[in-house]
Amino acid sequence: MEAELLISRLEPAQPVGHWPMWRGVLGGQQVVLQLSGMGLVNAASAVTAALEHLSCISALLNLGCAGAYADSGLKTGQAALANQIVLADHGVRTSRKIHGLEKTGIPLLKGRSGEIYNHLPCHAGLSAKLALPGLAQGVFACVAQVSGDPATAALVAERWGAILEDMESGAVAQVAALYNLPFACVRGVSNMAGARGLDVKAGAGAAQTAFLKALGETT
């Protein structure tokens, strides 16, 4: 369901490992679509496998659903573009505060611009191509555990200055950084963070529609 609009425009391709693939042309661009499944490990494993098997990949774009934070102004069925990804669960948590990886003194990785802790960059040029008029932009919090109530959601949003939360973007962004590839992320809102009434079809549809429109495809 999270990729049905894209799958309908592409052709099935040979799977890589355990992950199904589709290939084709969208907006004049060669596209490889991969379904990773939920979570950081699935996403990192899937993307790494694809990169090791397919030399044609020159950039990574992560699409999917997300939970919007209350103060973001976003509603179910709206899409947003990341200007940065933050690994919101990585670091040190006490009863009073969430500390980032800087607290450990150990960086996640060393990027072109220096040490990277929790904040992973989005490629300015690639993101600019996806920045449709009116499309919300902001920090996406990538979490291993989604917010189970509004109070928890508010805490994560305030700590990281994020507009929404998802479970895979940080993994894809980290792999992109390791492989020195441009990365961007578009997510559609399936629910308000802290409320578990999901409308996956609306969220996934919003992300795919925004991507297709940015490529000049009719929807």
N, C-alpha and C. Protein backbone atom coordinates (compact mmCIF):
# COMPACT_ATOMS: atom_id res chain seq x y z
N MET A 1 0.81 -1.21 0.00
CA MET A 1 0.00 0.00 0.00
C MET A 1 0.85 1.26 0.00
N GLU A 2 2.03 1.21 0.64
CA GLU A 2 2.84 2.42 0.75
C GLU A 2 3.50 2.82 -0.56
N ALA A 3 3.41 1.98 -1.61
CA ALA A 3 4.07 2.31 -2.87
C ALA A 3 3.21 1.97 -4.08
N GLU A 4 1.93 1.76 -3.91
CA GLU A 4 1.11 1.26 -5.01
C GLU A 4 1.03 2.23 -6.18
N LEU A 5 1.05 3.54 -5.93
CA LEU A 5 1.01 4.51 -7.03
C LEU A 5 2.26 4.41 -7.89
N LEU A 6 3.40 4.19 -7.27
CA LEU A 6 4.65 4.07 -8.00
C LEU A 6 4.76 2.71 -8.69
N ILE A 7 4.38 1.66 -8.00
CA ILE A 7 4.47 0.32 -8.56
C ILE A 7 3.66 0.21 -9.85
N SER A 8 2.52 0.88 -9.89
CA SER A 8 1.66 0.81 -11.08
C SER A 8 2.31 1.43 -12.31
N ARG A 9 3.37 2.23 -12.12
CA ARG A 9 4.05 2.89 -13.25
C ARG A 9 5.39 2.24 -13.58
N LEU A 10 5.75 1.20 -12.84
CA LEU A 10 7.05 0.56 -13.02
C LEU A 10 6.88 -0.91 -13.36
N GLU A 11 8.00 -1.56 -13.70
CA GLU A 11 8.00 -2.98 -14.04
C GLU A 11 8.72 -3.78 -12.95
N PRO A 12 8.22 -4.97 -12.63
CA PRO A 12 8.92 -5.80 -11.65
C PRO A 12 10.35 -6.10 -12.09
N ALA A 13 11.27 -6.11 -11.13
CA ALA A 13 12.67 -6.39 -11.40
C ALA A 13 13.14 -7.53 -10.50
N GLN A 14 14.31 -8.02 -10.78
CA GLN A 14 14.89 -9.09 -9.98
C GLN A 14 15.07 -8.62 -8.53
N PRO A 15 14.54 -9.35 -7.56
CA PRO A 15 14.72 -8.94 -6.16
C PRO A 15 16.19 -8.94 -5.78
N VAL A 16 16.53 -8.09 -4.83
CA VAL A 16 17.87 -8.09 -4.25
C VAL A 16 17.75 -8.61 -2.83
N GLY A 17 18.33 -9.77 -2.56
CA GLY A 17 18.16 -10.36 -1.25
C GLY A 17 16.70 -10.69 -1.00
N HIS A 18 16.20 -10.23 0.12
CA HIS A 18 14.81 -10.51 0.49
C HIS A 18 13.85 -9.39 0.08
N TRP A 19 14.35 -8.39 -0.65
CA TRP A 19 13.56 -7.19 -0.88
C TRP A 19 13.10 -7.08 -2.32
N PRO A 20 11.78 -6.93 -2.54
CA PRO A 20 11.26 -6.80 -3.90
C PRO A 20 11.68 -5.48 -4.54
N MET A 21 11.82 -5.50 -5.88
CA MET A 21 12.31 -4.34 -6.62
C MET A 21 11.43 -4.11 -7.85
N TRP A 22 11.36 -2.84 -8.25
CA TRP A 22 10.73 -2.45 -9.51
C TRP A 22 11.64 -1.43 -10.19
N ARG A 23 11.56 -1.38 -11.52
CA ARG A 23 12.40 -0.43 -12.26
C ARG A 23 11.58 0.21 -13.37
N GLY A 24 12.01 1.39 -13.80
CA GLY A 24 11.33 2.07 -14.88
C GLY A 24 11.81 3.50 -15.00
N VAL A 25 11.01 4.29 -15.71
CA VAL A 25 11.34 5.70 -15.94
C VAL A 25 10.20 6.56 -15.42
N LEU A 26 10.53 7.53 -14.59
CA LEU A 26 9.56 8.50 -14.07
C LEU A 26 10.13 9.89 -14.29
N GLY A 27 9.36 10.73 -14.95
CA GLY A 27 9.83 12.10 -15.20
C GLY A 27 11.14 12.15 -15.97
N GLY A 28 11.35 11.17 -16.84
CA GLY A 28 12.58 11.13 -17.61
C GLY A 28 13.78 10.60 -16.86
N GLN A 29 13.57 10.14 -15.64
CA GLN A 29 14.65 9.63 -14.80
C GLN A 29 14.53 8.12 -14.62
N GLN A 30 15.66 7.41 -14.72
CA GLN A 30 15.65 6.00 -14.39
C GLN A 30 15.45 5.83 -12.88
N VAL A 31 14.52 4.98 -12.51
CA VAL A 31 14.14 4.82 -11.11
C VAL A 31 14.20 3.34 -10.73
N VAL A 32 14.76 3.08 -9.56
CA VAL A 32 14.71 1.75 -8.94
C VAL A 32 13.91 1.89 -7.65
N LEU A 33 12.84 1.15 -7.52
CA LEU A 33 12.00 1.17 -6.32
C LEU A 33 12.24 -0.09 -5.52
N GLN A 34 12.45 0.09 -4.23
CA GLN A 34 12.68 -1.05 -3.34
C GLN A 34 11.77 -0.90 -2.11
N LEU A 35 11.14 -1.99 -1.70
CA LEU A 35 10.34 -2.00 -0.48
C LEU A 35 11.19 -2.62 0.63
N SER A 36 11.45 -1.86 1.67
CA SER A 36 12.37 -2.32 2.72
C SER A 36 11.67 -2.97 3.90
N GLY A 37 10.40 -2.65 4.11
CA GLY A 37 9.76 -3.07 5.34
C GLY A 37 10.02 -2.06 6.45
N MET A 38 9.48 -2.32 7.63
CA MET A 38 9.49 -1.36 8.72
C MET A 38 10.78 -1.41 9.53
N GLY A 39 11.26 -0.25 9.93
CA GLY A 39 12.33 -0.16 10.92
C GLY A 39 13.71 0.11 10.36
N LEU A 40 14.60 0.52 11.27
CA LEU A 40 15.95 0.93 10.90
C LEU A 40 16.77 -0.21 10.31
N VAL A 41 16.71 -1.39 10.90
CA VAL A 41 17.53 -2.50 10.43
C VAL A 41 17.09 -2.94 9.04
N ASN A 42 15.79 -3.09 8.83
CA ASN A 42 15.29 -3.45 7.51
C ASN A 42 15.73 -2.43 6.46
N ALA A 43 15.56 -1.15 6.78
CA ALA A 43 15.89 -0.10 5.81
C ALA A 43 17.37 -0.09 5.47
N ALA A 44 18.22 -0.14 6.49
CA ALA A 44 19.67 -0.11 6.24
C ALA A 44 20.13 -1.34 5.47
N SER A 45 19.61 -2.50 5.82
CA SER A 45 19.99 -3.73 5.15
C SER A 45 19.56 -3.72 3.69
N ALA A 46 18.32 -3.30 3.45
CA ALA A 46 17.79 -3.29 2.10
C ALA A 46 18.57 -2.34 1.20
N VAL A 47 18.79 -1.13 1.66
CA VAL A 47 19.48 -0.13 0.84
C VAL A 47 20.93 -0.53 0.60
N THR A 48 21.58 -1.05 1.62
CA THR A 48 22.97 -1.50 1.44
C THR A 48 23.06 -2.62 0.42
N ALA A 49 22.14 -3.57 0.48
CA ALA A 49 22.13 -4.67 -0.49
C ALA A 49 21.94 -4.13 -1.91
N ALA A 50 21.03 -3.18 -2.06
CA ALA A 50 20.79 -2.60 -3.39
C ALA A 50 22.03 -1.89 -3.92
N LEU A 51 22.68 -1.14 -3.07
CA LEU A 51 23.86 -0.39 -3.51
C LEU A 51 25.01 -1.32 -3.88
N GLU A 52 25.13 -2.43 -3.18
CA GLU A 52 26.21 -3.37 -3.47
C GLU A 52 25.96 -4.18 -4.74
N HIS A 53 24.69 -4.29 -5.14
CA HIS A 53 24.35 -5.08 -6.32
C HIS A 53 24.06 -4.25 -7.56
N LEU A 54 23.69 -2.99 -7.38
CA LEU A 54 23.28 -2.16 -8.52
C LEU A 54 24.16 -0.91 -8.60
N SER A 55 25.03 -0.89 -9.57
CA SER A 55 25.96 0.25 -9.71
C SER A 55 25.29 1.48 -10.31
N CYS A 56 24.05 1.33 -10.79
CA CYS A 56 23.36 2.45 -11.45
C CYS A 56 22.81 3.47 -10.47
N ILE A 57 22.74 3.16 -9.20
CA ILE A 57 22.11 4.05 -8.23
C ILE A 57 23.02 5.24 -7.93
N SER A 58 22.50 6.45 -8.16
CA SER A 58 23.30 7.67 -7.96
C SER A 58 22.75 8.58 -6.87
N ALA A 59 21.59 8.24 -6.32
CA ALA A 59 20.99 9.04 -5.25
C ALA A 59 19.95 8.18 -4.54
N LEU A 60 19.64 8.54 -3.29
CA LEU A 60 18.67 7.80 -2.50
C LEU A 60 17.54 8.72 -2.06
N LEU A 61 16.32 8.28 -2.31
CA LEU A 61 15.13 9.02 -1.87
C LEU A 61 14.28 8.08 -1.04
N ASN A 62 13.96 8.50 0.18
CA ASN A 62 13.15 7.70 1.08
C ASN A 62 11.73 8.24 1.11
N LEU A 63 10.77 7.38 0.82
CA LEU A 63 9.35 7.73 0.85
C LEU A 63 8.63 6.84 1.85
N GLY A 64 7.52 7.33 2.39
CA GLY A 64 6.74 6.51 3.30
C GLY A 64 5.80 7.34 4.13
N CYS A 65 5.29 6.73 5.20
CA CYS A 65 4.35 7.38 6.10
C CYS A 65 5.06 7.93 7.33
N ALA A 66 4.37 8.78 8.06
CA ALA A 66 4.93 9.37 9.27
C ALA A 66 3.82 9.86 10.18
N GLY A 67 4.18 10.05 11.44
CA GLY A 67 3.27 10.67 12.40
C GLY A 67 3.67 12.12 12.61
N ALA A 68 2.76 13.03 12.42
CA ALA A 68 3.05 14.47 12.53
C ALA A 68 2.92 14.93 13.98
N TYR A 69 3.83 15.78 14.41
CA TYR A 69 3.74 16.36 15.75
C TYR A 69 2.69 17.47 15.78
N ALA A 70 2.11 17.66 16.94
CA ALA A 70 0.95 18.54 17.07
C ALA A 70 1.22 19.97 16.62
N ASP A 71 2.42 20.47 16.88
CA ASP A 71 2.72 21.87 16.55
C ASP A 71 3.25 22.05 15.14
N SER A 72 3.26 20.98 14.34
CA SER A 72 3.81 21.08 12.98
C SER A 72 2.87 21.78 12.01
N GLY A 73 1.58 21.78 12.34
CA GLY A 73 0.59 22.33 11.41
C GLY A 73 0.17 21.33 10.35
N LEU A 74 0.73 20.13 10.39
CA LEU A 74 0.41 19.11 9.40
C LEU A 74 -0.81 18.31 9.81
N LYS A 75 -1.52 17.83 8.82
CA LYS A 75 -2.69 17.01 9.04
C LYS A 75 -2.55 15.70 8.26
N THR A 76 -3.35 14.71 8.62
CA THR A 76 -3.34 13.44 7.91
C THR A 76 -3.63 13.67 6.43
N GLY A 77 -2.82 13.03 5.59
CA GLY A 77 -2.99 13.17 4.14
C GLY A 77 -2.15 14.27 3.53
N GLN A 78 -1.34 14.97 4.33
CA GLN A 78 -0.43 15.98 3.81
C GLN A 78 0.99 15.40 3.75
N ALA A 79 1.79 15.93 2.83
CA ALA A 79 3.17 15.49 2.67
C ALA A 79 4.13 16.56 3.20
N ALA A 80 5.35 16.13 3.51
CA ALA A 80 6.39 17.05 3.98
C ALA A 80 7.74 16.57 3.46
N LEU A 81 8.65 17.52 3.32
CA LEU A 81 10.00 17.28 2.83
C LEU A 81 10.99 17.53 3.95
N ALA A 82 11.91 16.61 4.16
CA ALA A 82 12.90 16.77 5.22
C ALA A 82 14.00 17.74 4.80
N ASN A 83 14.40 18.62 5.71
CA ASN A 83 15.63 19.39 5.49
C ASN A 83 16.77 18.86 6.34
N GLN A 84 16.44 17.92 7.22
CA GLN A 84 17.43 17.23 8.04
C GLN A 84 16.75 16.03 8.71
N ILE A 85 17.52 14.98 8.93
CA ILE A 85 17.03 13.82 9.67
C ILE A 85 17.78 13.74 10.99
N VAL A 86 17.05 13.49 12.07
CA VAL A 86 17.70 13.32 13.36
C VAL A 86 17.37 11.93 13.91
N LEU A 87 18.39 11.22 14.34
CA LEU A 87 18.20 9.92 14.98
C LEU A 87 17.82 10.18 16.45
N ALA A 88 16.52 10.22 16.68
CA ALA A 88 16.00 10.73 17.95
C ALA A 88 16.19 9.79 19.13
N ASP A 89 16.41 8.50 18.86
CA ASP A 89 16.59 7.53 19.94
C ASP A 89 18.05 7.29 20.30
N HIS A 90 18.97 7.84 19.53
CA HIS A 90 20.39 7.58 19.73
C HIS A 90 20.98 8.55 20.75
N GLY A 91 21.65 8.03 21.76
CA GLY A 91 22.27 8.89 22.75
C GLY A 91 22.10 8.36 24.15
N VAL A 92 21.84 9.26 25.07
CA VAL A 92 21.71 8.91 26.49
C VAL A 92 20.40 9.48 27.01
N ARG A 93 19.56 8.63 27.58
CA ARG A 93 18.28 9.06 28.12
C ARG A 93 18.30 8.95 29.64
N THR A 94 17.96 10.03 30.31
CA THR A 94 17.79 10.01 31.76
C THR A 94 16.32 10.27 32.07
N SER A 95 16.00 10.27 33.33
CA SER A 95 14.61 10.51 33.71
C SER A 95 14.19 11.95 33.44
N ARG A 96 15.16 12.82 33.20
CA ARG A 96 14.84 14.23 33.01
C ARG A 96 15.10 14.75 31.60
N LYS A 97 15.94 14.06 30.84
CA LYS A 97 16.36 14.64 29.56
C LYS A 97 16.82 13.57 28.58
N ILE A 98 16.66 13.89 27.29
CA ILE A 98 17.20 13.07 26.22
C ILE A 98 18.48 13.75 25.73
N HIS A 99 19.61 13.10 25.90
CA HIS A 99 20.88 13.63 25.42
C HIS A 99 21.23 12.98 24.09
N GLY A 100 21.87 13.74 23.20
CA GLY A 100 22.32 13.18 21.95
C GLY A 100 23.59 12.38 22.09
N LEU A 101 24.08 11.87 20.96
CA LEU A 101 25.28 11.06 20.97
C LEU A 101 26.52 11.83 21.41
N GLU A 102 26.48 13.15 21.34
CA GLU A 102 27.62 13.94 21.83
C GLU A 102 27.93 13.61 23.29
N LYS A 103 26.90 13.23 24.02
CA LYS A 103 27.08 12.89 25.44
C LYS A 103 28.01 11.70 25.61
N THR A 104 28.03 10.80 24.62
CA THR A 104 28.89 9.63 24.69
C THR A 104 30.31 9.94 24.22
N GLY A 105 30.44 11.00 23.45
CA GLY A 105 31.75 11.33 22.87
C GLY A 105 32.11 10.49 21.67
N ILE A 106 31.16 9.69 21.18
CA ILE A 106 31.43 8.79 20.05
C ILE A 106 30.53 9.19 18.87
N PRO A 107 31.12 9.66 17.78
CA PRO A 107 30.30 10.04 16.62
C PRO A 107 29.73 8.83 15.91
N LEU A 108 28.60 9.03 15.27
CA LEU A 108 27.97 7.98 14.48
C LEU A 108 28.85 7.63 13.28
N LEU A 109 29.36 8.64 12.63
CA LEU A 109 30.28 8.47 11.51
C LEU A 109 30.96 9.79 11.23
N LYS A 110 31.96 9.76 10.37
CA LYS A 110 32.65 10.97 9.97
C LYS A 110 32.28 11.28 8.54
N GLY A 111 31.61 12.42 8.36
CA GLY A 111 31.18 12.83 7.03
C GLY A 111 32.16 13.79 6.39
N ARG A 112 31.78 14.28 5.22
CA ARG A 112 32.65 15.21 4.50
C ARG A 112 32.88 16.50 5.27
N SER A 113 31.87 16.89 6.06
CA SER A 113 31.96 18.15 6.78
C SER A 113 32.35 17.96 8.25
N GLY A 114 32.74 16.74 8.61
CA GLY A 114 33.16 16.50 9.99
C GLY A 114 32.39 15.36 10.63
N GLU A 115 32.47 15.29 11.95
CA GLU A 115 31.82 14.21 12.68
C GLU A 115 30.30 14.40 12.70
N ILE A 116 29.60 13.28 12.54
CA ILE A 116 28.14 13.28 12.57
C ILE A 116 27.69 12.51 13.80
N TYR A 117 26.81 13.15 14.56
CA TYR A 117 26.26 12.50 15.75
C TYR A 117 24.80 12.10 15.46
N ASN A 118 23.86 12.89 15.86
CA ASN A 118 22.45 12.54 15.63
C ASN A 118 21.88 13.10 14.34
N HIS A 119 22.44 14.20 13.87
CA HIS A 119 21.84 14.92 12.75
C HIS A 119 22.46 14.51 11.42
N LEU A 120 21.63 14.00 10.53
CA LEU A 120 22.07 13.54 9.22
C LEU A 120 21.56 14.50 8.15
N PRO A 121 22.41 14.87 7.20
CA PRO A 121 22.03 15.90 6.23
C PRO A 121 21.15 15.37 5.10
N CYS A 122 20.36 16.27 4.55
CA CYS A 122 19.65 16.04 3.30
C CYS A 122 20.36 16.86 2.22
N HIS A 123 20.44 16.32 1.03
CA HIS A 123 21.16 16.98 -0.05
C HIS A 123 20.35 18.18 -0.56
N ALA A 124 20.96 19.36 -0.53
CA ALA A 124 20.23 20.58 -0.87
C ALA A 124 19.73 20.56 -2.31
N GLY A 125 20.56 20.13 -3.25
CA GLY A 125 20.15 20.12 -4.65
C GLY A 125 19.04 19.15 -4.94
N LEU A 126 19.15 17.93 -4.41
CA LEU A 126 18.11 16.93 -4.62
C LEU A 126 16.82 17.34 -3.94
N SER A 127 16.92 17.86 -2.74
CA SER A 127 15.72 18.30 -2.02
C SER A 127 15.03 19.46 -2.73
N ALA A 128 15.83 20.35 -3.34
CA ALA A 128 15.25 21.50 -4.04
C ALA A 128 14.37 21.05 -5.21
N LYS A 129 14.73 19.94 -5.84
CA LYS A 129 13.94 19.42 -6.95
C LYS A 129 12.60 18.87 -6.49
N LEU A 130 12.50 18.56 -5.20
CA LEU A 130 11.27 17.99 -4.65
C LEU A 130 10.42 19.02 -3.91
N ALA A 131 10.95 20.23 -3.78
CA ALA A 131 10.30 21.26 -2.96
C ALA A 131 9.17 21.94 -3.73
N LEU A 132 8.02 21.28 -3.77
CA LEU A 132 6.85 21.85 -4.43
C LEU A 132 6.33 23.06 -3.65
N PRO A 133 5.71 24.02 -4.33
CA PRO A 133 5.10 25.15 -3.62
C PRO A 133 4.10 24.66 -2.57
N GLY A 134 4.23 25.16 -1.37
CA GLY A 134 3.31 24.79 -0.30
C GLY A 134 3.67 23.52 0.43
N LEU A 135 4.69 22.81 -0.03
CA LEU A 135 5.09 21.58 0.66
C LEU A 135 5.86 21.91 1.93
N ALA A 136 5.37 21.44 3.06
CA ALA A 136 6.01 21.72 4.34
C ALA A 136 7.41 21.13 4.37
N GLN A 137 8.32 21.82 5.07
CA GLN A 137 9.68 21.34 5.21
C GLN A 137 10.10 21.46 6.67
N GLY A 138 10.95 20.54 7.11
CA GLY A 138 11.43 20.60 8.49
C GLY A 138 12.25 19.39 8.85
N VAL A 139 12.58 19.28 10.13
CA VAL A 139 13.37 18.17 10.64
C VAL A 139 12.47 16.96 10.86
N PHE A 140 12.93 15.80 10.40
CA PHE A 140 12.22 14.55 10.64
C PHE A 140 12.96 13.79 11.75
N ALA A 141 12.22 13.34 12.75
CA ALA A 141 12.79 12.53 13.81
C ALA A 141 12.62 11.05 13.46
N CYS A 142 13.73 10.33 13.33
CA CYS A 142 13.67 8.91 13.05
C CYS A 142 13.77 8.16 14.38
N VAL A 143 12.79 7.32 14.65
CA VAL A 143 12.69 6.65 15.95
C VAL A 143 12.58 5.14 15.78
N ALA A 144 13.05 4.41 16.76
CA ALA A 144 12.85 2.97 16.80
C ALA A 144 11.54 2.63 17.49
N GLN A 145 11.10 3.49 18.40
CA GLN A 145 9.83 3.34 19.10
C GLN A 145 8.99 4.58 18.83
N VAL A 146 7.83 4.40 18.21
CA VAL A 146 6.98 5.55 17.93
C VAL A 146 6.36 6.06 19.22
N SER A 147 5.96 7.31 19.21
CA SER A 147 5.34 7.93 20.38
C SER A 147 4.00 7.28 20.67
N GLY A 148 3.82 6.82 21.90
CA GLY A 148 2.61 6.11 22.27
C GLY A 148 1.52 6.99 22.85
N ASP A 149 1.85 8.25 23.13
CA ASP A 149 0.84 9.18 23.64
C ASP A 149 1.29 10.60 23.30
N PRO A 150 0.39 11.57 23.38
CA PRO A 150 0.73 12.95 22.99
C PRO A 150 1.85 13.56 23.81
N ALA A 151 1.96 13.20 25.09
CA ALA A 151 3.02 13.77 25.93
C ALA A 151 4.40 13.32 25.46
N THR A 152 4.51 12.05 25.11
CA THR A 152 5.79 11.54 24.60
C THR A 152 6.12 12.20 23.27
N ALA A 153 5.14 12.32 22.40
CA ALA A 153 5.34 12.97 21.11
C ALA A 153 5.83 14.41 21.28
N ALA A 154 5.23 15.13 22.22
CA ALA A 154 5.62 16.52 22.46
C ALA A 154 7.05 16.61 22.97
N LEU A 155 7.45 15.65 23.79
CA LEU A 155 8.81 15.64 24.33
C LEU A 155 9.84 15.45 23.21
N VAL A 156 9.59 14.50 22.32
CA VAL A 156 10.52 14.25 21.21
C VAL A 156 10.55 15.44 20.26
N ALA A 157 9.39 15.98 19.95
CA ALA A 157 9.31 17.12 19.04
C ALA A 157 10.08 18.32 19.59
N GLU A 158 9.91 18.59 20.88
CA GLU A 158 10.60 19.73 21.49
C GLU A 158 12.10 19.50 21.57
N ARG A 159 12.50 18.29 21.93
CA ARG A 159 13.93 18.01 22.07
C ARG A 159 14.69 18.20 20.77
N TRP A 160 14.08 17.77 19.65
CA TRP A 160 14.80 17.78 18.38
C TRP A 160 14.31 18.83 17.40
N GLY A 161 13.29 19.58 17.76
CA GLY A 161 12.76 20.59 16.84
C GLY A 161 12.19 19.97 15.58
N ALA A 162 11.55 18.80 15.72
CA ALA A 162 11.07 18.03 14.58
C ALA A 162 9.60 18.30 14.29
N ILE A 163 9.21 18.05 13.03
CA ILE A 163 7.81 18.23 12.64
C ILE A 163 7.07 16.89 12.53
N LEU A 164 7.81 15.80 12.39
CA LEU A 164 7.17 14.49 12.32
C LEU A 164 8.17 13.40 12.71
N GLU A 165 7.65 12.18 12.88
CA GLU A 165 8.50 11.04 13.21
C GLU A 165 8.22 9.88 12.28
N ASP A 166 9.29 9.15 11.94
CA ASP A 166 9.16 7.94 11.14
C ASP A 166 10.17 6.92 11.66
N MET A 167 10.23 5.75 11.03
CA MET A 167 11.05 4.67 11.56
C MET A 167 12.17 4.19 10.63
N GLU A 168 12.36 4.86 9.49
CA GLU A 168 13.36 4.38 8.53
C GLU A 168 14.29 5.44 7.97
N SER A 169 13.88 6.70 7.94
CA SER A 169 14.64 7.71 7.20
C SER A 169 16.08 7.86 7.68
N GLY A 170 16.30 7.72 8.98
CA GLY A 170 17.65 7.86 9.52
C GLY A 170 18.59 6.78 9.01
N ALA A 171 18.08 5.57 8.85
CA ALA A 171 18.90 4.48 8.34
C ALA A 171 19.31 4.74 6.90
N VAL A 172 18.36 5.17 6.08
CA VAL A 172 18.67 5.45 4.67
C VAL A 172 19.62 6.63 4.56
N ALA A 173 19.41 7.65 5.38
CA ALA A 173 20.29 8.81 5.36
C ALA A 173 21.71 8.44 5.78
N GLN A 174 21.83 7.56 6.77
CA GLN A 174 23.15 7.15 7.23
C GLN A 174 23.88 6.34 6.16
N VAL A 175 23.18 5.43 5.50
CA VAL A 175 23.79 4.66 4.42
C VAL A 175 24.20 5.59 3.28
N ALA A 176 23.35 6.56 2.97
CA ALA A 176 23.70 7.53 1.92
C ALA A 176 24.99 8.27 2.27
N ALA A 177 25.12 8.66 3.53
CA ALA A 177 26.33 9.36 3.96
C ALA A 177 27.56 8.46 3.85
N LEU A 178 27.40 7.19 4.20
CA LEU A 178 28.52 6.25 4.12
C LEU A 178 28.98 6.04 2.67
N TYR A 179 28.03 6.06 1.75
CA TYR A 179 28.33 5.84 0.33
C TYR A 179 28.53 7.15 -0.44
N ASN A 180 28.48 8.28 0.28
CA ASN A 180 28.65 9.60 -0.35
C ASN A 180 27.64 9.83 -1.48
N LEU A 181 26.39 9.50 -1.21
CA LEU A 181 25.33 9.69 -2.19
C LEU A 181 24.35 10.77 -1.72
N PRO A 182 23.79 11.53 -2.65
CA PRO A 182 22.75 12.49 -2.27
C PRO A 182 21.55 11.77 -1.67
N PHE A 183 20.94 12.39 -0.68
CA PHE A 183 19.79 11.80 0.01
C PHE A 183 18.71 12.85 0.19
N ALA A 184 17.45 12.42 0.02
CA ALA A 184 16.30 13.27 0.33
C ALA A 184 15.18 12.39 0.86
N CYS A 185 14.21 13.01 1.51
CA CYS A 185 13.13 12.24 2.12
C CYS A 185 11.82 13.00 2.04
N VAL A 186 10.78 12.32 1.56
CA VAL A 186 9.42 12.85 1.54
C VAL A 186 8.53 11.87 2.28
N ARG A 187 7.77 12.38 3.21
CA ARG A 187 6.86 11.53 3.99
C ARG A 187 5.45 12.11 3.95
N GLY A 188 4.48 11.20 4.01
CA GLY A 188 3.08 11.60 4.09
C GLY A 188 2.54 11.28 5.47
N VAL A 189 1.71 12.14 5.98
CA VAL A 189 1.18 12.00 7.34
C VAL A 189 0.05 10.96 7.36
N SER A 190 0.26 9.90 8.14
CA SER A 190 -0.75 8.86 8.30
C SER A 190 -1.50 8.99 9.61
N ASN A 191 -0.95 9.78 10.54
CA ASN A 191 -1.56 9.95 11.86
C ASN A 191 -0.86 11.09 12.58
N MET A 192 -1.45 11.55 13.65
CA MET A 192 -0.78 12.50 14.52
C MET A 192 0.06 11.69 15.51
N ALA A 193 1.30 12.06 15.69
CA ALA A 193 2.20 11.33 16.58
C ALA A 193 1.60 11.26 17.98
N GLY A 194 1.60 10.07 18.55
CA GLY A 194 0.99 9.86 19.86
C GLY A 194 -0.42 9.32 19.79
N ALA A 195 -1.00 9.34 18.58
CA ALA A 195 -2.34 8.77 18.36
C ALA A 195 -2.19 7.67 17.32
N ARG A 196 -2.69 6.47 17.61
CA ARG A 196 -2.40 5.32 16.77
C ARG A 196 -3.50 4.99 15.77
N GLY A 197 -4.39 5.92 15.49
CA GLY A 197 -5.39 5.71 14.45
C GLY A 197 -4.77 6.00 13.10
N LEU A 198 -4.22 4.97 12.43
CA LEU A 198 -3.44 5.15 11.22
C LEU A 198 -4.31 5.17 9.96
N ASP A 199 -3.98 6.09 9.05
CA ASP A 199 -4.54 6.06 7.70
C ASP A 199 -3.35 5.96 6.75
N VAL A 200 -2.85 4.72 6.63
CA VAL A 200 -1.64 4.48 5.84
C VAL A 200 -1.86 4.86 4.38
N LYS A 201 -3.04 4.58 3.85
CA LYS A 201 -3.31 4.90 2.45
C LYS A 201 -3.19 6.40 2.20
N ALA A 202 -3.73 7.21 3.10
CA ALA A 202 -3.67 8.66 2.93
C ALA A 202 -2.24 9.16 3.04
N GLY A 203 -1.50 8.64 4.02
CA GLY A 203 -0.13 9.08 4.21
C GLY A 203 0.77 8.67 3.06
N ALA A 204 0.69 7.40 2.67
CA ALA A 204 1.52 6.91 1.57
C ALA A 204 1.15 7.58 0.27
N GLY A 205 -0.13 7.80 0.06
CA GLY A 205 -0.57 8.46 -1.16
C GLY A 205 -0.04 9.88 -1.26
N ALA A 206 -0.02 10.58 -0.13
CA ALA A 206 0.47 11.96 -0.13
C ALA A 206 1.94 12.02 -0.50
N ALA A 207 2.75 11.12 0.05
CA ALA A 207 4.18 11.12 -0.24
C ALA A 207 4.44 10.78 -1.71
N GLN A 208 3.78 9.75 -2.21
CA GLN A 208 3.98 9.35 -3.60
C GLN A 208 3.50 10.43 -4.57
N THR A 209 2.37 11.05 -4.25
CA THR A 209 1.84 12.10 -5.13
C THR A 209 2.78 13.30 -5.18
N ALA A 210 3.34 13.68 -4.04
CA ALA A 210 4.28 14.79 -4.01
C ALA A 210 5.51 14.47 -4.86
N PHE A 211 6.01 13.25 -4.74
CA PHE A 211 7.17 12.82 -5.52
C PHE A 211 6.87 12.86 -7.02
N LEU A 212 5.73 12.31 -7.41
CA LEU A 212 5.36 12.26 -8.83
C LEU A 212 5.17 13.67 -9.39
N LYS A 213 4.54 14.54 -8.64
CA LYS A 213 4.35 15.92 -9.10
C LYS A 213 5.69 16.63 -9.27
N ALA A 214 6.63 16.38 -8.35
CA ALA A 214 7.94 17.01 -8.45
C ALA A 214 8.67 16.56 -9.71
N LEU A 215 8.39 15.33 -10.16
CA LEU A 215 9.00 14.82 -11.39
C LEU A 215 8.24 15.24 -12.65
N GLY A 216 7.12 15.92 -12.46
CA GLY A 216 6.34 16.34 -13.59
C GLY A 216 5.39 15.29 -14.12
N GLU A 217 5.16 14.23 -13.31
CA GLU A 217 4.25 13.17 -13.70
C GLU A 217 2.82 13.55 -13.34
N THR A 218 1.87 13.14 -14.16
CA THR A 218 0.47 13.36 -13.84
C THR A 218 0.04 12.39 -12.76
N THR A 219 -0.86 12.81 -11.88
CA THR A 219 -1.34 11.94 -10.80
C THR A 219 -2.85 11.84 -10.82
